[in-house]
Amino acid sequence: MITPSDFFYLLSDETRLRCLLLLKAKGELCVCELTSALKMIQPKISQHLAVLKKFDVVSDRREGIWIYYQIHNKLPKWSHQILITCFKYMKITKPYSLDLAMLERLNQRKWNC
């Protein structure tokens, strides 16, 4: 089980926080959707997702060559509440609002990996 100090440590990195907020907004995303929305290279995103997975903050599933990530369903309730609170504020704050807008534009174009 993740400790509060570990959880806040994970949130202290902006890339991990941005990934988590997008996952909170959309439920499940593949690495390529995250790289496009955040305008970052795949190895960087994958590295941060691996750290989040190590602490059981996110889980993944493989579908062909794609890996889809979501917030881990066994994450403690208190940590979900923190993410919900962060999301409420961050969705109207840059760069997080821009990340969400970019993801929406990609989805509207039926963008696929």
N, C-alpha and C. Protein backbone atom coordinates (compact mmCIF):
# COMPACT_ATOMS: atom_id res chain seq x y z
N MET A 1 0.85 -1.18 0.00
CA MET A 1 0.00 0.00 0.00
C MET A 1 0.89 1.24 0.00
N ILE A 2 0.51 2.20 -0.81
CA ILE A 2 1.29 3.43 -0.93
C ILE A 2 1.11 4.31 0.31
N THR A 3 2.18 4.95 0.70
CA THR A 3 2.14 5.86 1.85
C THR A 3 1.86 7.28 1.34
N PRO A 4 1.33 8.13 2.20
CA PRO A 4 1.12 9.52 1.79
C PRO A 4 2.41 10.20 1.31
N SER A 5 3.53 9.95 1.99
CA SER A 5 4.77 10.61 1.56
C SER A 5 5.20 10.12 0.17
N ASP A 6 5.02 8.83 -0.13
CA ASP A 6 5.33 8.32 -1.47
C ASP A 6 4.39 8.94 -2.51
N PHE A 7 3.11 9.02 -2.17
CA PHE A 7 2.13 9.57 -3.10
C PHE A 7 2.44 11.02 -3.44
N PHE A 8 2.74 11.83 -2.42
CA PHE A 8 3.05 13.23 -2.68
C PHE A 8 4.38 13.38 -3.41
N TYR A 9 5.31 12.48 -3.15
CA TYR A 9 6.56 12.48 -3.92
C TYR A 9 6.25 12.26 -5.40
N LEU A 10 5.39 11.30 -5.71
CA LEU A 10 5.05 11.02 -7.10
C LEU A 10 4.35 12.21 -7.75
N LEU A 11 3.50 12.88 -7.01
CA LEU A 11 2.79 14.05 -7.54
C LEU A 11 3.71 15.26 -7.70
N SER A 12 4.84 15.24 -7.05
CA SER A 12 5.73 16.41 -7.11
C SER A 12 6.41 16.58 -8.46
N ASP A 13 6.41 15.54 -9.28
CA ASP A 13 6.97 15.65 -10.62
C ASP A 13 5.86 16.09 -11.58
N GLU A 14 6.10 17.16 -12.31
CA GLU A 14 5.05 17.72 -13.15
C GLU A 14 4.59 16.77 -14.26
N THR A 15 5.50 16.02 -14.85
CA THR A 15 5.11 15.08 -15.91
C THR A 15 4.20 14.00 -15.35
N ARG A 16 4.55 13.46 -14.19
CA ARG A 16 3.69 12.44 -13.58
C ARG A 16 2.33 13.02 -13.20
N LEU A 17 2.34 14.22 -12.65
CA LEU A 17 1.08 14.88 -12.29
C LEU A 17 0.22 15.10 -13.52
N ARG A 18 0.81 15.57 -14.60
CA ARG A 18 0.05 15.81 -15.83
C ARG A 18 -0.52 14.51 -16.39
N CYS A 19 0.26 13.45 -16.35
CA CYS A 19 -0.24 12.13 -16.80
C CYS A 19 -1.42 11.69 -15.95
N LEU A 20 -1.27 11.80 -14.63
CA LEU A 20 -2.34 11.37 -13.73
C LEU A 20 -3.62 12.17 -13.93
N LEU A 21 -3.47 13.47 -14.13
CA LEU A 21 -4.67 14.29 -14.33
C LEU A 21 -5.38 13.94 -15.64
N LEU A 22 -4.63 13.63 -16.69
CA LEU A 22 -5.25 13.18 -17.94
C LEU A 22 -5.92 11.82 -17.76
N LEU A 23 -5.29 10.94 -17.03
CA LEU A 23 -5.91 9.64 -16.76
C LEU A 23 -7.16 9.81 -15.90
N LYS A 24 -7.13 10.71 -14.96
CA LYS A 24 -8.31 10.98 -14.13
C LYS A 24 -9.44 11.52 -14.99
N ALA A 25 -9.11 12.34 -15.97
CA ALA A 25 -10.13 12.94 -16.84
C ALA A 25 -10.72 11.92 -17.81
N LYS A 26 -9.89 11.04 -18.35
CA LYS A 26 -10.32 10.17 -19.44
C LYS A 26 -10.51 8.71 -19.05
N GLY A 27 -10.00 8.33 -17.90
CA GLY A 27 -10.17 6.95 -17.46
C GLY A 27 -9.06 6.02 -17.93
N GLU A 28 -8.83 6.00 -19.22
CA GLU A 28 -7.79 5.13 -19.77
C GLU A 28 -7.20 5.77 -21.02
N LEU A 29 -5.89 5.75 -21.10
CA LEU A 29 -5.19 6.32 -22.26
C LEU A 29 -4.00 5.45 -22.60
N CYS A 30 -3.66 5.43 -23.89
CA CYS A 30 -2.44 4.73 -24.29
C CYS A 30 -1.27 5.73 -24.25
N VAL A 31 -0.09 5.19 -24.26
CA VAL A 31 1.11 6.01 -24.18
C VAL A 31 1.15 7.03 -25.31
N CYS A 32 0.76 6.63 -26.50
CA CYS A 32 0.82 7.57 -27.63
C CYS A 32 -0.15 8.74 -27.46
N GLU A 33 -1.28 8.52 -26.82
CA GLU A 33 -2.20 9.63 -26.55
C GLU A 33 -1.57 10.59 -25.54
N LEU A 34 -0.93 10.05 -24.53
CA LEU A 34 -0.26 10.90 -23.54
C LEU A 34 0.89 11.68 -24.16
N THR A 35 1.68 11.03 -25.01
CA THR A 35 2.81 11.73 -25.63
C THR A 35 2.32 12.87 -26.52
N SER A 36 1.25 12.64 -27.24
CA SER A 36 0.72 13.69 -28.11
C SER A 36 0.11 14.83 -27.32
N ALA A 37 -0.65 14.51 -26.29
CA ALA A 37 -1.29 15.56 -25.49
C ALA A 37 -0.26 16.39 -24.73
N LEU A 38 0.79 15.74 -24.23
CA LEU A 38 1.79 16.45 -23.44
C LEU A 38 2.95 16.98 -24.27
N LYS A 39 2.99 16.61 -25.54
CA LYS A 39 4.05 17.01 -26.45
C LYS A 39 5.43 16.63 -25.88
N MET A 40 5.52 15.37 -25.48
CA MET A 40 6.76 14.83 -24.94
C MET A 40 7.08 13.53 -25.66
N ILE A 41 8.32 13.12 -25.58
CA ILE A 41 8.73 11.90 -26.28
C ILE A 41 8.28 10.66 -25.49
N GLN A 42 8.07 9.59 -26.24
CA GLN A 42 7.55 8.35 -25.66
C GLN A 42 8.42 7.80 -24.54
N PRO A 43 9.75 7.74 -24.67
CA PRO A 43 10.55 7.20 -23.56
C PRO A 43 10.36 7.95 -22.24
N LYS A 44 10.21 9.26 -22.31
CA LYS A 44 10.02 10.06 -21.09
C LYS A 44 8.69 9.70 -20.43
N ILE A 45 7.62 9.65 -21.22
CA ILE A 45 6.31 9.31 -20.68
C ILE A 45 6.33 7.89 -20.11
N SER A 46 6.90 6.96 -20.85
CA SER A 46 6.95 5.56 -20.40
C SER A 46 7.73 5.42 -19.11
N GLN A 47 8.81 6.19 -18.98
CA GLN A 47 9.60 6.14 -17.75
C GLN A 47 8.78 6.59 -16.55
N HIS A 48 8.04 7.66 -16.71
CA HIS A 48 7.20 8.16 -15.61
C HIS A 48 6.05 7.20 -15.30
N LEU A 49 5.47 6.62 -16.33
CA LEU A 49 4.40 5.65 -16.10
C LEU A 49 4.93 4.42 -15.37
N ALA A 50 6.15 4.02 -15.68
CA ALA A 50 6.76 2.87 -15.00
C ALA A 50 6.93 3.15 -13.50
N VAL A 51 7.30 4.37 -13.16
CA VAL A 51 7.44 4.75 -11.75
C VAL A 51 6.07 4.70 -11.07
N LEU A 52 5.05 5.25 -11.72
CA LEU A 52 3.70 5.23 -11.17
C LEU A 52 3.19 3.79 -11.02
N LYS A 53 3.53 2.95 -11.97
CA LYS A 53 3.11 1.55 -11.91
C LYS A 53 3.83 0.82 -10.77
N LYS A 54 5.09 1.12 -10.56
CA LYS A 54 5.87 0.50 -9.49
C LYS A 54 5.21 0.72 -8.13
N PHE A 55 4.63 1.89 -7.94
CA PHE A 55 3.96 2.23 -6.68
C PHE A 55 2.46 1.88 -6.71
N ASP A 56 2.01 1.20 -7.75
CA ASP A 56 0.60 0.80 -7.91
C ASP A 56 -0.36 1.98 -7.95
N VAL A 57 0.11 3.09 -8.49
CA VAL A 57 -0.77 4.25 -8.68
C VAL A 57 -1.52 4.10 -10.00
N VAL A 58 -0.88 3.51 -10.99
CA VAL A 58 -1.54 3.19 -12.25
C VAL A 58 -1.40 1.70 -12.52
N SER A 59 -2.30 1.20 -13.33
CA SER A 59 -2.20 -0.17 -13.83
C SER A 59 -2.28 -0.10 -15.34
N ASP A 60 -1.92 -1.18 -15.98
CA ASP A 60 -1.93 -1.18 -17.44
C ASP A 60 -2.53 -2.47 -17.99
N ARG A 61 -2.86 -2.39 -19.25
CA ARG A 61 -3.31 -3.58 -19.98
C ARG A 61 -2.76 -3.46 -21.40
N ARG A 62 -2.42 -4.59 -21.95
CA ARG A 62 -1.86 -4.62 -23.30
C ARG A 62 -2.96 -5.03 -24.28
N GLU A 63 -2.98 -4.32 -25.41
CA GLU A 63 -3.89 -4.66 -26.51
C GLU A 63 -3.06 -4.58 -27.78
N GLY A 64 -2.63 -5.73 -28.26
CA GLY A 64 -1.73 -5.77 -29.41
C GLY A 64 -0.41 -5.13 -29.02
N ILE A 65 0.01 -4.15 -29.79
CA ILE A 65 1.28 -3.48 -29.48
C ILE A 65 1.09 -2.26 -28.57
N TRP A 66 -0.15 -1.93 -28.22
CA TRP A 66 -0.42 -0.76 -27.40
C TRP A 66 -0.60 -1.15 -25.94
N ILE A 67 -0.16 -0.25 -25.08
CA ILE A 67 -0.37 -0.42 -23.65
C ILE A 67 -1.23 0.73 -23.17
N TYR A 68 -2.33 0.38 -22.51
CA TYR A 68 -3.27 1.37 -22.00
C TYR A 68 -3.12 1.47 -20.49
N TYR A 69 -3.12 2.69 -19.99
CA TYR A 69 -2.95 2.95 -18.56
C TYR A 69 -4.21 3.56 -17.98
N GLN A 70 -4.43 3.27 -16.71
CA GLN A 70 -5.53 3.86 -15.96
C GLN A 70 -5.10 3.98 -14.50
N ILE A 71 -5.84 4.80 -13.74
CA ILE A 71 -5.58 4.91 -12.31
C ILE A 71 -5.89 3.54 -11.71
N HIS A 72 -4.99 3.05 -10.87
CA HIS A 72 -5.15 1.71 -10.29
C HIS A 72 -6.42 1.65 -9.44
N ASN A 73 -7.21 0.59 -9.64
CA ASN A 73 -8.48 0.48 -8.91
C ASN A 73 -8.28 0.18 -7.43
N LYS A 74 -7.08 -0.21 -7.03
CA LYS A 74 -6.81 -0.49 -5.61
C LYS A 74 -6.11 0.67 -4.92
N LEU A 75 -6.06 1.80 -5.58
CA LEU A 75 -5.47 2.98 -4.96
C LEU A 75 -6.35 3.38 -3.77
N PRO A 76 -5.76 3.71 -2.64
CA PRO A 76 -6.56 4.06 -1.46
C PRO A 76 -7.50 5.24 -1.73
N LYS A 77 -8.62 5.23 -1.03
CA LYS A 77 -9.64 6.26 -1.22
C LYS A 77 -9.09 7.67 -0.99
N TRP A 78 -8.22 7.83 0.01
CA TRP A 78 -7.68 9.15 0.31
C TRP A 78 -6.89 9.71 -0.88
N SER A 79 -6.18 8.82 -1.60
CA SER A 79 -5.40 9.29 -2.75
C SER A 79 -6.30 9.65 -3.92
N HIS A 80 -7.40 8.93 -4.09
CA HIS A 80 -8.38 9.30 -5.12
C HIS A 80 -8.95 10.69 -4.81
N GLN A 81 -9.23 10.94 -3.55
CA GLN A 81 -9.76 12.26 -3.16
C GLN A 81 -8.77 13.37 -3.48
N ILE A 82 -7.51 13.11 -3.27
CA ILE A 82 -6.48 14.10 -3.60
C ILE A 82 -6.47 14.37 -5.10
N LEU A 83 -6.54 13.31 -5.90
CA LEU A 83 -6.56 13.48 -7.36
C LEU A 83 -7.81 14.22 -7.82
N ILE A 84 -8.94 13.92 -7.22
CA ILE A 84 -10.18 14.62 -7.57
C ILE A 84 -10.05 16.11 -7.27
N THR A 85 -9.54 16.43 -6.10
CA THR A 85 -9.35 17.83 -5.71
C THR A 85 -8.38 18.53 -6.66
N CYS A 86 -7.25 17.87 -6.94
CA CYS A 86 -6.28 18.45 -7.89
C CYS A 86 -6.92 18.67 -9.25
N PHE A 87 -7.67 17.69 -9.73
CA PHE A 87 -8.27 17.79 -11.05
C PHE A 87 -9.24 18.95 -11.14
N LYS A 88 -10.05 19.16 -10.12
CA LYS A 88 -11.02 20.26 -10.14
C LYS A 88 -10.33 21.61 -10.35
N TYR A 89 -9.21 21.79 -9.70
CA TYR A 89 -8.49 23.05 -9.84
C TYR A 89 -7.64 23.09 -11.10
N MET A 90 -6.95 22.01 -11.37
CA MET A 90 -5.99 21.99 -12.46
C MET A 90 -6.63 22.05 -13.84
N LYS A 91 -7.86 21.57 -13.98
CA LYS A 91 -8.47 21.57 -15.31
C LYS A 91 -8.73 22.98 -15.85
N ILE A 92 -8.59 23.97 -14.97
CA ILE A 92 -8.75 25.36 -15.43
C ILE A 92 -7.44 26.14 -15.34
N THR A 93 -6.33 25.44 -15.11
CA THR A 93 -5.02 26.06 -14.92
C THR A 93 -4.04 25.54 -15.95
N LYS A 94 -3.26 26.43 -16.56
CA LYS A 94 -2.24 26.01 -17.52
C LYS A 94 -1.06 25.39 -16.78
N PRO A 95 -0.42 24.41 -17.32
CA PRO A 95 -0.55 23.77 -18.63
C PRO A 95 -1.58 22.66 -18.67
N TYR A 96 -2.21 22.37 -17.51
CA TYR A 96 -3.11 21.23 -17.42
C TYR A 96 -4.35 21.40 -18.29
N SER A 97 -4.88 22.60 -18.34
CA SER A 97 -6.05 22.84 -19.19
C SER A 97 -5.69 22.68 -20.66
N LEU A 98 -4.47 23.07 -21.03
CA LEU A 98 -4.02 22.88 -22.41
C LEU A 98 -3.84 21.41 -22.76
N ASP A 99 -3.38 20.61 -21.78
CA ASP A 99 -3.25 19.17 -21.99
C ASP A 99 -4.61 18.55 -22.30
N LEU A 100 -5.61 18.93 -21.51
CA LEU A 100 -6.96 18.41 -21.72
C LEU A 100 -7.52 18.84 -23.07
N ALA A 101 -7.30 20.10 -23.43
CA ALA A 101 -7.79 20.60 -24.72
C ALA A 101 -7.12 19.86 -25.88
N MET A 102 -5.83 19.62 -25.77
CA MET A 102 -5.11 18.90 -26.82
C MET A 102 -5.66 17.48 -26.95
N LEU A 103 -5.89 16.83 -25.85
CA LEU A 103 -6.43 15.47 -25.88
C LEU A 103 -7.82 15.45 -26.50
N GLU A 104 -8.63 16.44 -26.19
CA GLU A 104 -9.96 16.54 -26.79
C GLU A 104 -9.88 16.72 -28.30
N ARG A 105 -8.96 17.57 -28.76
CA ARG A 105 -8.80 17.77 -30.21
C ARG A 105 -8.37 16.48 -30.88
N LEU A 106 -7.49 15.74 -30.26
CA LEU A 106 -7.04 14.46 -30.82
C LEU A 106 -8.20 13.47 -30.91
N ASN A 107 -9.01 13.44 -29.88
CA ASN A 107 -10.15 12.51 -29.86
C ASN A 107 -11.22 12.92 -30.87
N GLN A 108 -11.42 14.20 -31.09
CA GLN A 108 -12.42 14.66 -32.05
C GLN A 108 -12.04 14.28 -33.47
N ARG A 109 -10.75 14.17 -33.74
CA ARG A 109 -10.30 13.80 -35.08
C ARG A 109 -10.23 12.29 -35.25
N LYS A 110 -10.76 11.56 -34.24
CA LYS A 110 -10.70 10.10 -34.24
C LYS A 110 -9.27 9.64 -34.43
N TRP A 111 -8.40 10.31 -33.72
CA TRP A 111 -6.98 10.03 -33.76
C TRP A 111 -6.72 8.64 -33.21
N ASN A 112 -5.93 7.89 -33.91
CA ASN A 112 -5.56 6.56 -33.45
C ASN A 112 -4.05 6.45 -33.40
N CYS A 113 -3.60 5.56 -32.58
CA CYS A 113 -2.15 5.34 -32.45
C CYS A 113 -1.59 4.67 -33.69
